[in-house]
Amino acid sequence: TIVNDVSERAFQIERGGQWTKGKSCDTFC
């Protein structure tokens, strides 16, 4: 199938920890 891995880059990269926090916002998959 097709997946749009929508990503909030500031959450993902600039706020520490794992990438998951920038990838998991509601509607982001």
mmCIF file of all heavy atoms, coordinates in Angstrom:
data_MODEL
# 
_entry.id   MODEL 
# 
loop_
_atom_site.group_PDB 
_atom_site.id 
_atom_site.type_symbol 
_atom_site.label_atom_id 
_atom_site.label_alt_id 
_atom_site.label_comp_id 
_atom_site.label_asym_id 
_atom_site.label_entity_id 
_atom_site.label_seq_id 
_atom_site.pdbx_PDB_ins_code 
_atom_site.Cartn_x 
_atom_site.Cartn_y 
_atom_site.Cartn_z 
_atom_site.occupancy 
_atom_site.B_iso_or_equiv 
_atom_site.pdbx_formal_charge 
_atom_site.auth_seq_id 
_atom_site.auth_comp_id 
_atom_site.auth_asym_id 
_atom_site.auth_atom_id 
_atom_site.pdbx_PDB_model_num 
ATOM 1   N N   . THR A 1 1  ? 0.849  -1.182 0.000  1.00 0.00 ? 1  THR A N   1 
ATOM 2   C CA  . THR A 1 1  ? 0.000  0.000  0.000  1.00 0.00 ? 1  THR A CA  1 
ATOM 3   C C   . THR A 1 1  ? 0.889  1.238  0.000  1.00 0.00 ? 1  THR A C   1 
ATOM 4   O O   . THR A 1 1  ? 2.118  1.147  -0.046 1.00 0.00 ? 1  THR A O   1 
ATOM 5   C CB  . THR A 1 1  ? -0.950 -0.026 1.216  1.00 0.00 ? 1  THR A CB  1 
ATOM 6   O OG1 . THR A 1 1  ? -1.930 1.001  1.085  1.00 0.00 ? 1  THR A OG1 1 
ATOM 7   C CG2 . THR A 1 1  ? -0.194 0.135  2.533  1.00 0.00 ? 1  THR A CG2 1 
ATOM 8   N N   . ILE A 1 2  ? 0.258  2.404  0.025  1.00 0.00 ? 2  ILE A N   1 
ATOM 9   C CA  . ILE A 1 2  ? 0.983  3.669  0.102  1.00 0.00 ? 2  ILE A CA  1 
ATOM 10  C C   . ILE A 1 2  ? 0.881  4.206  1.527  1.00 0.00 ? 2  ILE A C   1 
ATOM 11  O O   . ILE A 1 2  ? -0.184 4.156  2.141  1.00 0.00 ? 2  ILE A O   1 
ATOM 12  C CB  . ILE A 1 2  ? 0.390  4.713  -0.874 1.00 0.00 ? 2  ILE A CB  1 
ATOM 13  C CG1 . ILE A 1 2  ? 0.393  4.185  -2.304 1.00 0.00 ? 2  ILE A CG1 1 
ATOM 14  C CG2 . ILE A 1 2  ? 1.173  6.023  -0.791 1.00 0.00 ? 2  ILE A CG2 1 
ATOM 15  C CD1 . ILE A 1 2  ? -0.335 5.091  -3.289 1.00 0.00 ? 2  ILE A CD1 1 
ATOM 16  N N   . VAL A 1 3  ? 1.991  4.716  2.035  1.00 0.00 ? 3  VAL A N   1 
ATOM 17  C CA  . VAL A 1 3  ? 2.020  5.389  3.336  1.00 0.00 ? 3  VAL A CA  1 
ATOM 18  C C   . VAL A 1 3  ? 2.609  6.781  3.149  1.00 0.00 ? 3  VAL A C   1 
ATOM 19  O O   . VAL A 1 3  ? 3.628  6.944  2.468  1.00 0.00 ? 3  VAL A O   1 
ATOM 20  C CB  . VAL A 1 3  ? 2.869  4.601  4.362  1.00 0.00 ? 3  VAL A CB  1 
ATOM 21  C CG1 . VAL A 1 3  ? 2.988  5.376  5.674  1.00 0.00 ? 3  VAL A CG1 1 
ATOM 22  C CG2 . VAL A 1 3  ? 2.291  3.215  4.609  1.00 0.00 ? 3  VAL A CG2 1 
ATOM 23  N N   . ASN A 1 4  ? 1.962  7.791  3.714  1.00 0.00 ? 4  ASN A N   1 
ATOM 24  C CA  . ASN A 1 4  ? 2.561  9.119  3.816  1.00 0.00 ? 4  ASN A CA  1 
ATOM 25  C C   . ASN A 1 4  ? 3.092  9.259  5.241  1.00 0.00 ? 4  ASN A C   1 
ATOM 26  O O   . ASN A 1 4  ? 2.327  9.406  6.190  1.00 0.00 ? 4  ASN A O   1 
ATOM 27  C CB  . ASN A 1 4  ? 1.528  10.211 3.512  1.00 0.00 ? 4  ASN A CB  1 
ATOM 28  C CG  . ASN A 1 4  ? 2.159  11.598 3.386  1.00 0.00 ? 4  ASN A CG  1 
ATOM 29  O OD1 . ASN A 1 4  ? 3.352  11.773 3.646  1.00 0.00 ? 4  ASN A OD1 1 
ATOM 30  N ND2 . ASN A 1 4  ? 1.356  12.583 3.004  1.00 0.00 ? 4  ASN A ND2 1 
ATOM 31  N N   . ASP A 1 5  ? 4.412  9.174  5.370  1.00 0.00 ? 5  ASP A N   1 
ATOM 32  C CA  . ASP A 1 5  ? 5.041  9.287  6.688  1.00 0.00 ? 5  ASP A CA  1 
ATOM 33  C C   . ASP A 1 5  ? 5.200  10.769 7.027  1.00 0.00 ? 5  ASP A C   1 
ATOM 34  O O   . ASP A 1 5  ? 6.304  11.323 6.989  1.00 0.00 ? 5  ASP A O   1 
ATOM 35  C CB  . ASP A 1 5  ? 6.388  8.557  6.685  1.00 0.00 ? 5  ASP A CB  1 
ATOM 36  C CG  . ASP A 1 5  ? 7.135  8.690  7.996  1.00 0.00 ? 5  ASP A CG  1 
ATOM 37  O OD1 . ASP A 1 5  ? 6.489  8.996  9.025  1.00 0.00 ? 5  ASP A OD1 1 
ATOM 38  O OD2 . ASP A 1 5  ? 8.364  8.489  8.001  1.00 0.00 ? 5  ASP A OD2 1 
ATOM 39  N N   . VAL A 1 6  ? 4.085  11.416 7.331  1.00 0.00 ? 6  VAL A N   1 
ATOM 40  C CA  . VAL A 1 6  ? 4.108  12.843 7.664  1.00 0.00 ? 6  VAL A CA  1 
ATOM 41  C C   . VAL A 1 6  ? 4.953  13.037 8.927  1.00 0.00 ? 6  VAL A C   1 
ATOM 42  O O   . VAL A 1 6  ? 4.860  12.247 9.880  1.00 0.00 ? 6  VAL A O   1 
ATOM 43  C CB  . VAL A 1 6  ? 2.678  13.376 7.862  1.00 0.00 ? 6  VAL A CB  1 
ATOM 44  C CG1 . VAL A 1 6  ? 2.696  14.879 8.095  1.00 0.00 ? 6  VAL A CG1 1 
ATOM 45  C CG2 . VAL A 1 6  ? 1.804  13.039 6.650  1.00 0.00 ? 6  VAL A CG2 1 
ATOM 46  N N   . SER A 1 7  ? 5.779  14.092 8.912  1.00 0.00 ? 7  SER A N   1 
ATOM 47  C CA  . SER A 1 7  ? 6.786  14.265 9.967  1.00 0.00 ? 7  SER A CA  1 
ATOM 48  C C   . SER A 1 7  ? 6.896  15.722 10.376 1.00 0.00 ? 7  SER A C   1 
ATOM 49  O O   . SER A 1 7  ? 7.075  16.589 9.516  1.00 0.00 ? 7  SER A O   1 
ATOM 50  C CB  . SER A 1 7  ? 8.162  13.800 9.458  1.00 0.00 ? 7  SER A CB  1 
ATOM 51  O OG  . SER A 1 7  ? 8.098  12.514 8.875  1.00 0.00 ? 7  SER A OG  1 
ATOM 52  N N   . GLU A 1 8  ? 6.801  15.982 11.678 1.00 0.00 ? 8  GLU A N   1 
ATOM 53  C CA  . GLU A 1 8  ? 7.058  17.336 12.185 1.00 0.00 ? 8  GLU A CA  1 
ATOM 54  C C   . GLU A 1 8  ? 8.541  17.396 12.554 1.00 0.00 ? 8  GLU A C   1 
ATOM 55  O O   . GLU A 1 8  ? 8.972  16.835 13.563 1.00 0.00 ? 8  GLU A O   1 
ATOM 56  C CB  . GLU A 1 8  ? 6.170  17.626 13.393 1.00 0.00 ? 8  GLU A CB  1 
ATOM 57  C CG  . GLU A 1 8  ? 5.733  19.085 13.531 1.00 0.00 ? 8  GLU A CG  1 
ATOM 58  C CD  . GLU A 1 8  ? 6.864  20.095 13.622 1.00 0.00 ? 8  GLU A CD  1 
ATOM 59  O OE1 . GLU A 1 8  ? 7.969  19.753 14.070 1.00 0.00 ? 8  GLU A OE1 1 
ATOM 60  O OE2 . GLU A 1 8  ? 6.623  21.263 13.253 1.00 0.00 ? 8  GLU A OE2 1 
ATOM 61  N N   . ARG A 1 9  ? 9.333  18.034 11.689 1.00 0.00 ? 9  ARG A N   1 
ATOM 62  C CA  . ARG A 1 9  ? 10.796 17.955 11.825 1.00 0.00 ? 9  ARG A CA  1 
ATOM 63  C C   . ARG A 1 9  ? 11.315 18.623 13.093 1.00 0.00 ? 9  ARG A C   1 
ATOM 64  O O   . ARG A 1 9  ? 12.305 18.167 13.677 1.00 0.00 ? 9  ARG A O   1 
ATOM 65  C CB  . ARG A 1 9  ? 11.460 18.585 10.605 1.00 0.00 ? 9  ARG A CB  1 
ATOM 66  C CG  . ARG A 1 9  ? 11.080 17.973 9.269  1.00 0.00 ? 9  ARG A CG  1 
ATOM 67  C CD  . ARG A 1 9  ? 11.438 16.513 9.162  1.00 0.00 ? 9  ARG A CD  1 
ATOM 68  N NE  . ARG A 1 9  ? 11.246 16.043 7.782  1.00 0.00 ? 9  ARG A NE  1 
ATOM 69  C CZ  . ARG A 1 9  ? 11.358 14.783 7.406  1.00 0.00 ? 9  ARG A CZ  1 
ATOM 70  N NH1 . ARG A 1 9  ? 11.632 13.836 8.297  1.00 0.00 ? 9  ARG A NH1 1 
ATOM 71  N NH2 . ARG A 1 9  ? 11.183 14.440 6.146  1.00 0.00 ? 9  ARG A NH2 1 
ATOM 72  N N   . ALA A 1 10 ? 10.686 19.708 13.528 1.00 0.00 ? 10 ALA A N   1 
ATOM 73  C CA  . ALA A 1 10 ? 11.144 20.338 14.773 1.00 0.00 ? 10 ALA A CA  1 
ATOM 74  C C   . ALA A 1 10 ? 10.925 19.394 15.944 1.00 0.00 ? 10 ALA A C   1 
ATOM 75  O O   . ALA A 1 10 ? 11.802 19.249 16.812 1.00 0.00 ? 10 ALA A O   1 
ATOM 76  C CB  . ALA A 1 10 ? 10.415 21.664 14.994 1.00 0.00 ? 10 ALA A CB  1 
ATOM 77  N N   . PHE A 1 11 ? 9.767  18.732 15.996 1.00 0.00 ? 11 PHE A N   1 
ATOM 78  C CA  . PHE A 1 11 ? 9.520  17.749 17.058 1.00 0.00 ? 11 PHE A CA  1 
ATOM 79  C C   . PHE A 1 11 ? 10.507 16.595 16.944 1.00 0.00 ? 11 PHE A C   1 
ATOM 80  O O   . PHE A 1 11 ? 10.999 16.067 17.943 1.00 0.00 ? 11 PHE A O   1 
ATOM 81  C CB  . PHE A 1 11 ? 8.099  17.182 16.949 1.00 0.00 ? 11 PHE A CB  1 
ATOM 82  C CG  . PHE A 1 11 ? 6.971  18.147 17.206 1.00 0.00 ? 11 PHE A CG  1 
ATOM 83  C CD1 . PHE A 1 11 ? 7.185  19.496 17.421 1.00 0.00 ? 11 PHE A CD1 1 
ATOM 84  C CD2 . PHE A 1 11 ? 5.666  17.682 17.226 1.00 0.00 ? 11 PHE A CD2 1 
ATOM 85  C CE1 . PHE A 1 11 ? 6.138  20.372 17.651 1.00 0.00 ? 11 PHE A CE1 1 
ATOM 86  C CE2 . PHE A 1 11 ? 4.598  18.551 17.460 1.00 0.00 ? 11 PHE A CE2 1 
ATOM 87  C CZ  . PHE A 1 11 ? 4.837  19.889 17.666 1.00 0.00 ? 11 PHE A CZ  1 
ATOM 88  N N   . GLN A 1 12 ? 10.774 16.184 15.705 1.00 0.00 ? 12 GLN A N   1 
ATOM 89  C CA  . GLN A 1 12 ? 11.589 15.005 15.444 1.00 0.00 ? 12 GLN A CA  1 
ATOM 90  C C   . GLN A 1 12 ? 13.067 15.215 15.782 1.00 0.00 ? 12 GLN A C   1 
ATOM 91  O O   . GLN A 1 12 ? 13.704 14.333 16.364 1.00 0.00 ? 12 GLN A O   1 
ATOM 92  C CB  . GLN A 1 12 ? 11.465 14.618 13.965 1.00 0.00 ? 12 GLN A CB  1 
ATOM 93  C CG  . GLN A 1 12 ? 12.351 13.457 13.525 1.00 0.00 ? 12 GLN A CG  1 
ATOM 94  C CD  . GLN A 1 12 ? 12.367 13.276 12.011 1.00 0.00 ? 12 GLN A CD  1 
ATOM 95  O OE1 . GLN A 1 12 ? 11.629 13.946 11.284 1.00 0.00 ? 12 GLN A OE1 1 
ATOM 96  N NE2 . GLN A 1 12 ? 13.207 12.382 11.533 1.00 0.00 ? 12 GLN A NE2 1 
ATOM 97  N N   . ILE A 1 13 ? 13.596 16.388 15.404 1.00 0.00 ? 13 ILE A N   1 
ATOM 98  C CA  . ILE A 1 13 ? 15.048 16.576 15.406 1.00 0.00 ? 13 ILE A CA  1 
ATOM 99  C C   . ILE A 1 13 ? 15.520 17.550 16.478 1.00 0.00 ? 13 ILE A C   1 
ATOM 100 O O   . ILE A 1 13 ? 16.607 17.377 17.048 1.00 0.00 ? 13 ILE A O   1 
ATOM 101 C CB  . ILE A 1 13 ? 15.508 17.071 14.017 1.00 0.00 ? 13 ILE A CB  1 
ATOM 102 C CG1 . ILE A 1 13 ? 15.170 16.014 12.953 1.00 0.00 ? 13 ILE A CG1 1 
ATOM 103 C CG2 . ILE A 1 13 ? 16.996 17.386 14.014 1.00 0.00 ? 13 ILE A CG2 1 
ATOM 104 C CD1 . ILE A 1 13 ? 15.349 16.496 11.525 1.00 0.00 ? 13 ILE A CD1 1 
ATOM 105 N N   . GLU A 1 14 ? 14.701 18.555 16.782 1.00 0.00 ? 14 GLU A N   1 
ATOM 106 C CA  . GLU A 1 14 ? 15.183 19.660 17.606 1.00 0.00 ? 14 GLU A CA  1 
ATOM 107 C C   . GLU A 1 14 ? 14.754 19.581 19.063 1.00 0.00 ? 14 GLU A C   1 
ATOM 108 O O   . GLU A 1 14 ? 15.128 20.449 19.860 1.00 0.00 ? 14 GLU A O   1 
ATOM 109 C CB  . GLU A 1 14 ? 14.697 20.989 17.009 1.00 0.00 ? 14 GLU A CB  1 
ATOM 110 C CG  . GLU A 1 14 ? 15.174 21.204 15.576 1.00 0.00 ? 14 GLU A CG  1 
ATOM 111 C CD  . GLU A 1 14 ? 14.517 22.392 14.902 1.00 0.00 ? 14 GLU A CD  1 
ATOM 112 O OE1 . GLU A 1 14 ? 13.943 23.239 15.634 1.00 0.00 ? 14 GLU A OE1 1 
ATOM 113 O OE2 . GLU A 1 14 ? 14.561 22.473 13.659 1.00 0.00 ? 14 GLU A OE2 1 
ATOM 114 N N   . ARG A 1 15 ? 13.981 18.557 19.425 1.00 0.00 ? 15 ARG A N   1 
ATOM 115 C CA  . ARG A 1 15 ? 13.444 18.528 20.782 1.00 0.00 ? 15 ARG A CA  1 
ATOM 116 C C   . ARG A 1 15 ? 13.890 17.299 21.566 1.00 0.00 ? 15 ARG A C   1 
ATOM 117 O O   . ARG A 1 15 ? 13.260 16.896 22.539 1.00 0.00 ? 15 ARG A O   1 
ATOM 118 C CB  . ARG A 1 15 ? 11.916 18.631 20.722 1.00 0.00 ? 15 ARG A CB  1 
ATOM 119 C CG  . ARG A 1 15 ? 11.463 19.962 20.115 1.00 0.00 ? 15 ARG A CG  1 
ATOM 120 C CD  . ARG A 1 15 ? 9.972  20.148 20.091 1.00 0.00 ? 15 ARG A CD  1 
ATOM 121 N NE  . ARG A 1 15 ? 9.392  20.129 21.419 1.00 0.00 ? 15 ARG A NE  1 
ATOM 122 C CZ  . ARG A 1 15 ? 8.087  20.336 21.661 1.00 0.00 ? 15 ARG A CZ  1 
ATOM 123 N NH1 . ARG A 1 15 ? 7.265  20.591 20.661 1.00 0.00 ? 15 ARG A NH1 1 
ATOM 124 N NH2 . ARG A 1 15 ? 7.619  20.285 22.888 1.00 0.00 ? 15 ARG A NH2 1 
ATOM 125 N N   . GLY A 1 16 ? 15.021 16.714 21.153 1.00 0.00 ? 16 GLY A N   1 
ATOM 126 C CA  . GLY A 1 16 ? 15.619 15.632 21.910 1.00 0.00 ? 16 GLY A CA  1 
ATOM 127 C C   . GLY A 1 16 ? 14.880 14.313 21.763 1.00 0.00 ? 16 GLY A C   1 
ATOM 128 O O   . GLY A 1 16 ? 13.755 14.255 21.272 1.00 0.00 ? 16 GLY A O   1 
ATOM 129 N N   . GLY A 1 17 ? 15.549 13.230 22.190 1.00 0.00 ? 17 GLY A N   1 
ATOM 130 C CA  . GLY A 1 17 ? 14.887 11.937 22.227 1.00 0.00 ? 17 GLY A CA  1 
ATOM 131 C C   . GLY A 1 17 ? 14.740 11.295 20.863 1.00 0.00 ? 17 GLY A C   1 
ATOM 132 O O   . GLY A 1 17 ? 15.521 11.532 19.949 1.00 0.00 ? 17 GLY A O   1 
ATOM 133 N N   . GLN A 1 18 ? 13.702 10.498 20.713 1.00 0.00 ? 18 GLN A N   1 
ATOM 134 C CA  . GLN A 1 18 ? 13.526 9.657  19.549 1.00 0.00 ? 18 GLN A CA  1 
ATOM 135 C C   . GLN A 1 18 ? 12.728 10.363 18.447 1.00 0.00 ? 18 GLN A C   1 
ATOM 136 O O   . GLN A 1 18 ? 11.934 11.263 18.707 1.00 0.00 ? 18 GLN A O   1 
ATOM 137 C CB  . GLN A 1 18 ? 12.804 8.370  19.948 1.00 0.00 ? 18 GLN A CB  1 
ATOM 138 C CG  . GLN A 1 18 ? 13.551 7.539  20.982 1.00 0.00 ? 18 GLN A CG  1 
ATOM 139 C CD  . GLN A 1 18 ? 14.847 6.980  20.432 1.00 0.00 ? 18 GLN A CD  1 
ATOM 140 O OE1 . GLN A 1 18 ? 14.907 6.499  19.315 1.00 0.00 ? 18 GLN A OE1 1 
ATOM 141 N NE2 . GLN A 1 18 ? 15.900 7.035  21.233 1.00 0.00 ? 18 GLN A NE2 1 
ATOM 142 N N   . TRP A 1 19 ? 12.904 9.873  17.203 1.00 0.00 ? 19 TRP A N   1 
ATOM 143 C CA  . TRP A 1 19 ? 12.178 10.422 16.074 1.00 0.00 ? 19 TRP A CA  1 
ATOM 144 C C   . TRP A 1 19 ? 10.663 10.250 16.229 1.00 0.00 ? 19 TRP A C   1 
ATOM 145 O O   . TRP A 1 19 ? 9.883  11.009 15.652 1.00 0.00 ? 19 TRP A O   1 
ATOM 146 C CB  . TRP A 1 19 ? 12.609 9.716  14.789 1.00 0.00 ? 19 TRP A CB  1 
ATOM 147 C CG  . TRP A 1 19 ? 13.971 10.072 14.310 1.00 0.00 ? 19 TRP A CG  1 
ATOM 148 C CD1 . TRP A 1 19 ? 14.870 10.885 14.923 1.00 0.00 ? 19 TRP A CD1 1 
ATOM 149 C CD2 . TRP A 1 19 ? 14.580 9.624  13.098 1.00 0.00 ? 19 TRP A CD2 1 
ATOM 150 N NE1 . TRP A 1 19 ? 16.018 10.972 14.177 1.00 0.00 ? 19 TRP A NE1 1 
ATOM 151 C CE2 . TRP A 1 19 ? 15.872 10.201 13.052 1.00 0.00 ? 19 TRP A CE2 1 
ATOM 152 C CE3 . TRP A 1 19 ? 14.178 8.792  12.068 1.00 0.00 ? 19 TRP A CE3 1 
ATOM 153 C CZ2 . TRP A 1 19 ? 16.745 9.968  11.989 1.00 0.00 ? 19 TRP A CZ2 1 
ATOM 154 C CZ3 . TRP A 1 19 ? 15.048 8.560  11.014 1.00 0.00 ? 19 TRP A CZ3 1 
ATOM 155 C CH2 . TRP A 1 19 ? 16.310 9.143  10.980 1.00 0.00 ? 19 TRP A CH2 1 
ATOM 156 N N   . THR A 1 20 ? 10.250 9.254  16.982 1.00 0.00 ? 20 THR A N   1 
ATOM 157 C CA  . THR A 1 20 ? 8.833  8.896  17.095 1.00 0.00 ? 20 THR A CA  1 
ATOM 158 C C   . THR A 1 20 ? 7.960  10.094 17.434 1.00 0.00 ? 20 THR A C   1 
ATOM 159 O O   . THR A 1 20 ? 6.833  10.213 16.946 1.00 0.00 ? 20 THR A O   1 
ATOM 160 C CB  . THR A 1 20 ? 8.653  7.789  18.152 1.00 0.00 ? 20 THR A CB  1 
ATOM 161 O OG1 . THR A 1 20 ? 9.396  6.638  17.724 1.00 0.00 ? 20 THR A OG1 1 
ATOM 162 C CG2 . THR A 1 20 ? 7.206  7.405  18.321 1.00 0.00 ? 20 THR A CG2 1 
ATOM 163 N N   . LYS A 1 21 ? 8.450  11.015 18.256 1.00 0.00 ? 21 LYS A N   1 
ATOM 164 C CA  . LYS A 1 21 ? 7.613  12.138 18.698 1.00 0.00 ? 21 LYS A CA  1 
ATOM 165 C C   . LYS A 1 21 ? 7.268  13.072 17.539 1.00 0.00 ? 21 LYS A C   1 
ATOM 166 O O   . LYS A 1 21 ? 6.239  13.740 17.581 1.00 0.00 ? 21 LYS A O   1 
ATOM 167 C CB  . LYS A 1 21 ? 8.285  12.906 19.839 1.00 0.00 ? 21 LYS A CB  1 
ATOM 168 C CG  . LYS A 1 21 ? 9.556  13.642 19.445 1.00 0.00 ? 21 LYS A CG  1 
ATOM 169 C CD  . LYS A 1 21 ? 10.044 14.540 20.579 1.00 0.00 ? 21 LYS A CD  1 
ATOM 170 C CE  . LYS A 1 21 ? 10.693 13.745 21.677 1.00 0.00 ? 21 LYS A CE  1 
ATOM 171 N NZ  . LYS A 1 21 ? 11.332 14.633 22.686 1.00 0.00 ? 21 LYS A NZ  1 
ATOM 172 N N   . GLY A 1 22 ? 8.085  13.128 16.504 1.00 0.00 ? 22 GLY A N   1 
ATOM 173 C CA  . GLY A 1 22 ? 7.775  13.950 15.341 1.00 0.00 ? 22 GLY A CA  1 
ATOM 174 C C   . GLY A 1 22 ? 7.005  13.215 14.270 1.00 0.00 ? 22 GLY A C   1 
ATOM 175 O O   . GLY A 1 22 ? 6.609  13.812 13.262 1.00 0.00 ? 22 GLY A O   1 
ATOM 176 N N   . LYS A 1 23 ? 6.800  11.920 14.485 1.00 0.00 ? 23 LYS A N   1 
ATOM 177 C CA  . LYS A 1 23 ? 6.158  11.078 13.475 1.00 0.00 ? 23 LYS A CA  1 
ATOM 178 C C   . LYS A 1 23 ? 4.744  10.657 13.859 1.00 0.00 ? 23 LYS A C   1 
ATOM 179 O O   . LYS A 1 23 ? 4.025  10.093 13.019 1.00 0.00 ? 23 LYS A O   1 
ATOM 180 C CB  . LYS A 1 23 ? 7.006  9.812  13.280 1.00 0.00 ? 23 LYS A CB  1 
ATOM 181 C CG  . LYS A 1 23 ? 8.442  10.063 12.837 1.00 0.00 ? 23 LYS A CG  1 
ATOM 182 C CD  . LYS A 1 23 ? 8.512  10.398 11.367 1.00 0.00 ? 23 LYS A CD  1 
ATOM 183 C CE  . LYS A 1 23 ? 9.940  10.410 10.845 1.00 0.00 ? 23 LYS A CE  1 
ATOM 184 N NZ  . LYS A 1 23 ? 9.995  10.505 9.370  1.00 0.00 ? 23 LYS A NZ  1 
ATOM 185 N N   . SER A 1 24 ? 4.338  10.885 15.093 1.00 0.00 ? 24 SER A N   1 
ATOM 186 C CA  . SER A 1 24 ? 3.151  10.225 15.636 1.00 0.00 ? 24 SER A CA  1 
ATOM 187 C C   . SER A 1 24 ? 1.976  11.145 15.912 1.00 0.00 ? 24 SER A C   1 
ATOM 188 O O   . SER A 1 24 ? 1.004  10.728 16.545 1.00 0.00 ? 24 SER A O   1 
ATOM 189 C CB  . SER A 1 24 ? 3.529  9.492  16.931 1.00 0.00 ? 24 SER A CB  1 
ATOM 190 O OG  . SER A 1 24 ? 4.433  8.444  16.660 1.00 0.00 ? 24 SER A OG  1 
ATOM 191 N N   . CYS A 1 25 ? 2.040  12.391 15.444 1.00 0.00 ? 25 CYS A N   1 
ATOM 192 C CA  . CYS A 1 25 ? 0.917  13.299 15.670 1.00 0.00 ? 25 CYS A CA  1 
ATOM 193 C C   . CYS A 1 25 ? -0.341 12.738 15.005 1.00 0.00 ? 25 CYS A C   1 
ATOM 194 O O   . CYS A 1 25 ? -0.276 12.019 14.007 1.00 0.00 ? 25 CYS A O   1 
ATOM 195 C CB  . CYS A 1 25 ? 1.235  14.679 15.110 1.00 0.00 ? 25 CYS A CB  1 
ATOM 196 S SG  . CYS A 1 25 ? 2.754  15.400 15.774 1.00 0.00 ? 25 CYS A SG  1 
ATOM 197 N N   . ASP A 1 26 ? -1.492 13.080 15.559 1.00 0.00 ? 26 ASP A N   1 
ATOM 198 C CA  . ASP A 1 26 ? -2.755 12.628 14.982 1.00 0.00 ? 26 ASP A CA  1 
ATOM 199 C C   . ASP A 1 26 ? -2.805 12.982 13.492 1.00 0.00 ? 26 ASP A C   1 
ATOM 200 O O   . ASP A 1 26 ? -2.404 14.094 13.099 1.00 0.00 ? 26 ASP A O   1 
ATOM 201 C CB  . ASP A 1 26 ? -3.928 13.287 15.697 1.00 0.00 ? 26 ASP A CB  1 
ATOM 202 C CG  . ASP A 1 26 ? -4.076 12.818 17.144 1.00 0.00 ? 26 ASP A CG  1 
ATOM 203 O OD1 . ASP A 1 26 ? -3.396 11.843 17.533 1.00 0.00 ? 26 ASP A OD1 1 
ATOM 204 O OD2 . ASP A 1 26 ? -4.868 13.431 17.878 1.00 0.00 ? 26 ASP A OD2 1 
ATOM 205 N N   . THR A 1 27 ? -3.300 12.063 12.689 1.00 0.00 ? 27 THR A N   1 
ATOM 206 C CA  . THR A 1 27 ? -3.476 12.152 11.227 1.00 0.00 ? 27 THR A CA  1 
ATOM 207 C C   . THR A 1 27 ? -2.176 12.003 10.451 1.00 0.00 ? 27 THR A C   1 
ATOM 208 O O   . THR A 1 27 ? -2.183 12.095 9.219  1.00 0.00 ? 27 THR A O   1 
ATOM 209 C CB  . THR A 1 27 ? -4.174 13.452 10.768 1.00 0.00 ? 27 THR A CB  1 
ATOM 210 O OG1 . THR A 1 27 ? -3.269 14.577 10.849 1.00 0.00 ? 27 THR A OG1 1 
ATOM 211 C CG2 . THR A 1 27 ? -5.434 13.740 11.593 1.00 0.00 ? 27 THR A CG2 1 
ATOM 212 N N   . PHE A 1 28 ? -1.056 11.747 11.107 1.00 0.00 ? 28 PHE A N   1 
ATOM 213 C CA  . PHE A 1 28 ? 0.246  11.752 10.440 1.00 0.00 ? 28 PHE A CA  1 
ATOM 214 C C   . PHE A 1 28 ? 0.599  10.429 9.765  1.00 0.00 ? 28 PHE A C   1 
ATOM 215 O O   . PHE A 1 28 ? 1.754  10.248 9.352  1.00 0.00 ? 28 PHE A O   1 
ATOM 216 C CB  . PHE A 1 28 ? 1.357  12.135 11.436 1.00 0.00 ? 28 PHE A CB  1 
ATOM 217 C CG  . PHE A 1 28 ? 1.636  13.621 11.508 1.00 0.00 ? 28 PHE A CG  1 
ATOM 218 C CD1 . PHE A 1 28 ? 0.667  14.546 11.203 1.00 0.00 ? 28 PHE A CD1 1 
ATOM 219 C CD2 . PHE A 1 28 ? 2.887  14.085 11.903 1.00 0.00 ? 28 PHE A CD2 1 
ATOM 220 C CE1 . PHE A 1 28 ? 0.919  15.911 11.281 1.00 0.00 ? 28 PHE A CE1 1 
ATOM 221 C CE2 . PHE A 1 28 ? 3.157  15.441 11.987 1.00 0.00 ? 28 PHE A CE2 1 
ATOM 222 C CZ  . PHE A 1 28 ? 2.179  16.358 11.669 1.00 0.00 ? 28 PHE A CZ  1 
ATOM 223 N N   . CYS A 1 29 ? -0.375 9.516  9.607  1.00 0.00 ? 29 CYS A N   1 
ATOM 224 C CA  . CYS A 1 29 ? -0.062 8.243  8.937  1.00 0.00 ? 29 CYS A CA  1 
ATOM 225 C C   . CYS A 1 29 ? -1.193 7.839  7.984  1.00 0.00 ? 29 CYS A C   1 
ATOM 226 O O   . CYS A 1 29 ? -1.861 6.827  8.202  1.00 0.00 ? 29 CYS A O   1 
ATOM 227 C CB  . CYS A 1 29 ? 0.198  7.144  9.959  1.00 0.00 ? 29 CYS A CB  1 
ATOM 228 S SG  . CYS A 1 29 ? 0.907  5.634  9.251  1.00 0.00 ? 29 CYS A SG  1 
# 
